[in-house]
């Protein structure tokens, strides 16, 4: 469990770490990289943190972003409407509840999306 255990103390040096969590996990993930290793982070909220941690650890870090197009989004909409794929929304927040949504997200282990 990455949230309650120090995963960096139990991992061998890695060539590549794919960071899907961001925030403080970026710093911890750099610790388990080999000298020539690379950290790839997915969460866009963490992209601004990558440079400082990369410099601190003198290791390479990159931000990975997926770009979509209209045709792909329309196909996904069709699959959602037909039930071929199912989207799980854990909780929906109103615009004035953004701080509560961010607090919920920061707790970790969100099952699905917060909207």
Protein backbone atom coordinates (compact mmCIF):
# COMPACT_ATOMS: atom_id res chain seq x y z
CA UNK A 1 0.00 0.00 0.00
CA UNK A 2 1.85 3.07 -1.27
CA UNK A 3 -0.05 5.40 1.08
CA UNK A 4 0.83 3.66 4.34
CA UNK A 5 4.23 2.10 3.50
CA UNK A 6 7.50 3.58 2.32
CA UNK A 7 7.55 1.90 -1.09
CA UNK A 8 10.92 3.48 -1.87
CA UNK A 9 12.49 1.37 0.92
CA UNK A 10 11.25 -1.87 -0.65
CA UNK A 11 12.06 -1.35 -4.34
CA UNK A 12 15.22 -2.13 -6.21
CA UNK A 13 16.59 0.68 -8.34
CA UNK A 14 14.34 1.02 -11.38
CA UNK A 15 15.01 2.00 -14.99
CA UNK A 16 11.58 3.62 -15.35
CA UNK A 17 8.93 4.71 -12.87
CA UNK A 18 5.45 5.55 -14.13
CA UNK A 19 3.95 7.94 -11.59
CA UNK A 20 0.16 8.01 -11.69
CA UNK A 21 -0.27 9.74 -8.32
CA UNK A 22 1.83 12.90 -8.43
CA UNK A 23 2.34 15.34 -5.58
CA UNK A 24 4.65 13.96 -2.86
CA UNK A 25 4.98 10.65 -4.68
CA UNK A 26 7.14 12.36 -7.31
CA UNK A 27 9.92 13.02 -4.80
CA UNK A 28 9.62 9.53 -3.36
CA UNK A 29 9.63 7.97 -6.83
CA UNK A 30 12.89 9.67 -7.80
CA UNK A 31 14.55 7.81 -4.88
CA UNK A 32 13.96 4.43 -6.53
CA UNK A 33 15.35 5.37 -9.95
CA UNK A 34 18.73 4.24 -11.21
CA UNK A 35 21.14 7.06 -12.01
CA UNK A 36 20.21 6.85 -15.71
CA UNK A 37 16.54 6.10 -14.95
CA UNK A 38 13.56 8.18 -15.97
CA UNK A 39 10.40 9.19 -14.13
CA UNK A 40 7.26 9.64 -16.21
CA UNK A 41 4.45 11.47 -14.42
CA UNK A 42 0.86 11.46 -15.63
CA UNK A 43 -1.14 13.84 -13.41
CA UNK A 44 -1.17 17.30 -14.94
CA UNK A 45 -1.47 18.86 -11.50
CA UNK A 46 2.07 17.62 -10.82
CA UNK A 47 3.78 18.82 -13.99
CA UNK A 48 5.08 22.01 -12.31
CA UNK A 49 6.73 19.92 -9.56
CA UNK A 50 8.69 17.73 -11.94
CA UNK A 51 11.49 20.17 -12.81
CA UNK A 52 12.53 21.05 -9.25
CA UNK A 53 12.54 17.39 -8.14
CA UNK A 54 14.38 16.33 -11.30
CA UNK A 55 17.09 18.88 -10.57
CA UNK A 56 17.22 17.96 -6.88
CA UNK A 57 17.80 14.28 -7.65
CA UNK A 58 19.83 14.90 -10.85
CA UNK A 59 17.67 12.43 -12.72
CA UNK A 60 15.45 12.76 -15.76
CA UNK A 61 11.73 13.35 -15.36
CA UNK A 62 9.14 13.89 -18.06
CA UNK A 63 5.46 14.77 -18.11
CA UNK A 64 3.22 12.60 -20.28
CA UNK A 65 0.07 14.11 -21.73
CA UNK A 66 -2.51 12.46 -23.93
CA UNK A 67 -4.20 14.49 -26.63
CA UNK A 68 -7.58 13.41 -27.94
CA UNK A 69 -9.49 14.30 -31.04
CA UNK A 70 -13.18 14.83 -31.75
CA UNK A 71 -13.65 11.48 -33.53
CA UNK A 72 -12.18 9.58 -30.58
CA UNK A 73 -14.37 11.46 -28.09
CA UNK A 74 -17.48 10.80 -30.19
CA UNK A 75 -16.65 7.07 -30.28
CA UNK A 76 -16.18 7.00 -26.51
CA UNK A 77 -19.55 8.76 -26.10
CA UNK A 78 -21.20 6.06 -28.23
CA UNK A 79 -19.62 3.32 -26.15
CA UNK A 80 -20.79 5.01 -22.94
CA UNK A 81 -24.35 5.42 -24.27
CA UNK A 82 -24.50 1.79 -25.41
CA UNK A 83 -23.12 0.47 -22.12
CA UNK A 84 -20.09 -1.08 -23.83
CA UNK A 85 -17.93 0.83 -21.36
CA UNK A 86 -18.95 2.15 -17.96
CA UNK A 87 -17.63 5.27 -16.28
CA UNK A 88 -17.60 5.28 -12.51
CA UNK A 89 -18.15 8.63 -10.80
CA UNK A 90 -17.48 8.41 -7.09
CA UNK A 91 -18.91 11.80 -6.23
CA UNK A 92 -20.20 14.96 -7.91
CA UNK A 93 -19.40 18.39 -6.46
CA UNK A 94 -20.92 21.79 -7.13
CA UNK A 95 -18.57 24.63 -8.18
CA UNK A 96 -18.68 26.14 -4.69
CA UNK A 97 -17.52 22.77 -3.25
CA UNK A 98 -14.17 22.66 -5.04
CA UNK A 99 -12.20 22.81 -1.79
CA UNK A 100 -14.09 19.76 -0.51
CA UNK A 101 -13.41 17.94 -3.78
CA UNK A 102 -9.69 18.69 -3.55
CA UNK A 103 -9.60 17.50 0.07
CA UNK A 104 -11.36 14.29 -0.98
CA UNK A 105 -8.83 13.77 -3.78
CA UNK A 106 -5.89 14.42 -1.46
CA UNK A 107 -7.02 11.59 0.83
CA UNK A 108 -6.17 9.12 -1.96
CA UNK A 109 -7.85 5.92 -3.02
CA UNK A 110 -10.62 7.59 -5.01
CA UNK A 111 -12.64 4.90 -6.80
CA UNK A 112 -13.56 6.48 -10.12
CA UNK A 113 -13.79 10.15 -10.93
CA UNK A 114 -14.69 13.20 -8.92
CA UNK A 115 -16.82 15.55 -11.04
